[in-house]
C-alpha atoms as a PDB file:
ATOM      1  CA  MET A   1       0.098   0.010  -0.099  1.00  0.00           C
ATOM      2  CA  THR A   2       2.979   2.425   0.838  1.00  0.00           C
ATOM      3  CA  ALA A   3       6.029   2.815  -1.763  1.00  0.00           C
ATOM      4  CA  SER A   4       7.906   0.882   0.971  1.00  0.00           C
ATOM      5  CA  LEU A   5       6.435  -2.588  -0.770  1.00  0.00           C
ATOM      6  CA  HIS A   6       8.754  -1.922  -3.797  1.00  0.00           C
ATOM      7  CA  PRO A   7      12.444  -1.476  -3.855  1.00  0.00           C
ATOM      8  CA  SER A   8      13.880   1.541  -4.937  1.00  0.00           C
ATOM      9  CA  ALA A   9      15.694   2.150  -8.005  1.00  0.00           C
ATOM     10  CA  GLU A  10      19.165   2.569  -6.146  1.00  0.00           C
ATOM     11  CA  GLN A  11      18.383  -0.687  -4.620  1.00  0.00           C
ATOM     12  CA  LEU A  12      16.980  -2.261  -8.106  1.00  0.00           C
ATOM     13  CA  GLN A  13      20.567  -1.175  -9.272  1.00  0.00           C
ATOM     14  CA  ASP A  14      22.272  -2.345  -6.616  1.00  0.00           C
ATOM     15  CA  GLN A  15      20.340  -5.787  -7.093  1.00  0.00           C
ATOM     16  CA  LEU A  16      21.016  -6.306 -10.753  1.00  0.00           C
ATOM     17  CA  ARG A  17      24.860  -4.557 -10.091  1.00  0.00           C
ATOM     18  CA  SER A  18      25.337  -7.651  -7.778  1.00  0.00           C
ATOM     19  CA  GLU A  19      24.028 -10.389  -9.946  1.00  0.00           C
ATOM     20  CA  LEU A  20      26.120  -9.106 -13.308  1.00  0.00           C
ATOM     21  CA  VAL A  21      29.089  -8.935 -10.928  1.00  0.00           C
ATOM     22  CA  THR A  22      28.750 -12.474  -9.145  1.00  0.00           C
ATOM     23  CA  ARG A  23      27.093 -13.961 -11.804  1.00  0.00           C
ATOM     24  CA  PHE A  24      28.362 -12.816 -14.930  1.00  0.00           C
ATOM     25  CA  GLY A  25      32.061 -11.832 -14.194  1.00  0.00           C
ATOM     26  CA  VAL A  26      31.216  -8.107 -15.369  1.00  0.00           C
ATOM     27  CA  GLU A  27      33.163  -5.079 -13.213  1.00  0.00           C
ATOM     28  CA  ASP A  28      31.565  -3.650 -10.892  1.00  0.00           C
ATOM     29  CA  ALA A  29      32.776  -0.247 -11.767  1.00  0.00           C
ATOM     30  CA  GLU A  30      31.494  -1.076 -15.630  1.00  0.00           C
ATOM     31  CA  VAL A  31      27.817  -0.999 -14.304  1.00  0.00           C
ATOM     32  CA  THR A  32      26.419   2.665 -14.775  1.00  0.00           C
ATOM     33  CA  PRO A  33      22.922   3.351 -15.611  1.00  0.00           C
ATOM     34  CA  GLU A  34      24.008   4.402 -19.153  1.00  0.00           C
ATOM     35  CA  MET A  35      26.634   1.094 -19.713  1.00  0.00           C
ATOM     36  CA  THR A  36      24.469  -1.633 -22.056  1.00  0.00           C
ATOM     37  CA  PHE A  37      23.978  -5.126 -21.455  1.00  0.00           C
ATOM     38  CA  GLY A  38      26.070  -5.389 -24.887  1.00  0.00           C
ATOM     39  CA  GLU A  39      28.777  -3.268 -23.873  1.00  0.00           C
ATOM     40  CA  LEU A  40      29.161  -5.046 -21.019  1.00  0.00           C
ATOM     41  CA  GLY A  41      29.926  -8.511 -22.906  1.00  0.00           C
ATOM     42  CA  LEU A  42      26.325  -9.832 -22.514  1.00  0.00           C
ATOM     43  CA  ASP A  43      24.573 -12.244 -24.732  1.00  0.00           C
ATOM     44  CA  SER A  44      21.251 -13.881 -25.535  1.00  0.00           C
ATOM     45  CA  LEU A  45      21.739 -16.818 -23.704  1.00  0.00           C
ATOM     46  CA  ALA A  46      23.372 -14.341 -20.901  1.00  0.00           C
ATOM     47  CA  LEU A  47      19.946 -12.197 -20.655  1.00  0.00           C
ATOM     48  CA  VAL A  48      17.847 -15.161 -20.646  1.00  0.00           C
ATOM     49  CA  GLU A  49      19.895 -16.111 -17.820  1.00  0.00           C
ATOM     50  CA  LEU A  50      19.696 -13.082 -16.069  1.00  0.00           C
ATOM     51  CA  SER A  51      15.853 -13.022 -16.393  1.00  0.00           C
ATOM     52  CA  ASP A  52      15.404 -16.336 -14.677  1.00  0.00           C
ATOM     53  CA  VAL A  53      17.811 -15.100 -12.067  1.00  0.00           C
ATOM     54  CA  LEU A  54      16.025 -11.608 -11.437  1.00  0.00           C
ATOM     55  CA  GLN A  55      12.538 -13.402 -11.781  1.00  0.00           C
ATOM     56  CA  SER A  56      13.362 -15.232  -9.091  1.00  0.00           C
ATOM     57  CA  VAL A  57      14.631 -13.175  -6.270  1.00  0.00           C
ATOM     58  CA  LEU A  58      12.262 -10.716  -7.404  1.00  0.00           C
ATOM     59  CA  GLU A  59       9.102 -12.990  -7.251  1.00  0.00           C
ATOM     60  CA  ILE A  60       8.113 -10.940 -10.256  1.00  0.00           C
ATOM     61  CA  PRO A  61       7.565 -12.707 -14.423  1.00  0.00           C
ATOM     62  CA  ILE A  62      10.047 -11.421 -16.224  1.00  0.00           C
ATOM     63  CA  ALA A  63       9.797 -12.838 -20.064  1.00  0.00           C
ATOM     64  CA  ASP A  64      13.127 -14.407 -21.365  1.00  0.00           C
ATOM     65  CA  ASP A  65      13.136 -11.919 -24.385  1.00  0.00           C
ATOM     66  CA  ASP A  66      12.351  -8.794 -21.511  1.00  0.00           C
ATOM     67  CA  PHE A  67      16.141  -7.994 -22.155  1.00  0.00           C
ATOM     68  CA  ASN A  68      18.031  -7.542 -25.132  1.00  0.00           C
ATOM     69  CA  GLY A  69      21.570  -5.975 -25.821  1.00  0.00           C
ATOM     70  CA  GLU A  70      20.490  -2.724 -26.208  1.00  0.00           C
ATOM     71  CA  GLN A  71      18.887  -1.621 -23.388  1.00  0.00           C
ATOM     72  CA  LYS A  72      20.967   0.450 -20.945  1.00  0.00           C
ATOM     73  CA  ILE A  73      20.895  -0.814 -17.016  1.00  0.00           C
ATOM     74  CA  ALA A  74      18.605   2.386 -16.135  1.00  0.00           C
ATOM     75  CA  GLU A  75      16.309   1.348 -18.588  1.00  0.00           C
ATOM     76  CA  VAL A  76      16.185  -1.695 -17.151  1.00  0.00           C
ATOM     77  CA  VAL A  77      15.611  -0.950 -13.380  1.00  0.00           C
ATOM     78  CA  THR A  78      12.628   1.243 -14.986  1.00  0.00           C
ATOM     79  CA  LEU A  79      11.354  -2.166 -16.381  1.00  0.00           C
ATOM     80  CA  LEU A  80      11.787  -3.725 -13.555  1.00  0.00           C
ATOM     81  CA  GLN A  81      10.158  -1.387 -11.039  1.00  0.00           C
ATOM     82  CA  ASP A  82       7.133  -1.615 -13.732  1.00  0.00           C
ATOM     83  CA  LYS A  83       7.087  -5.134 -13.229  1.00  0.00           C
ATOM     84  CA  LEU A  84       7.016  -4.693  -9.026  1.00  0.00           C
ATOM     85  CA  VAL A  85       4.140  -2.478  -9.747  1.00  0.00           C
ATOM     86  CA  GLU A  86       2.086  -4.617 -11.958  1.00  0.00           C
ATOM     87  CA  HIS A  87       2.641  -7.535  -9.763  1.00  0.00           C
ATOM     88  CA  ALA A  88       1.905  -5.881  -7.091  1.00  0.00           C
ATOM     89  CA  GLY A  89      -1.753  -5.023  -8.734  1.00  0.00           C
ATOM     90  CA  ALA A  90      -2.375  -8.205  -9.631  1.00  0.00           C
ATOM     91  CA  GLN A  91      -1.739  -9.543  -6.486  1.00  0.00           C
ATOM     92  CA  GLY A  92      -3.806  -6.506  -4.973  1.00  0.00           C
ATOM     93  CA  GLN A  93      -0.920  -4.976  -3.105  1.00  0.00           C
ATOM     94  CA  VAL A  94      -1.218  -2.006  -4.486  1.00  0.00           C
END
């Protein structure tokens, strides 16, 4: 019912950074809002794996094709925020 039910953009970016660093070997300093998945060296298979991981961690539905190599980290954070709100609404938590 309050905004505290959803992680902030900063928290989502930190979660995304953590997954990219620990699971995909991306350098922490490289994960900035303006970097794209392609620039970080993630291919389509890695993006499918990332979507599966984030779906599990965030407990929201994320399709395998929701991510692409041209997306910036900031765009993905916005997408995740939208999905969290959408999922909460579907669950009657908004």
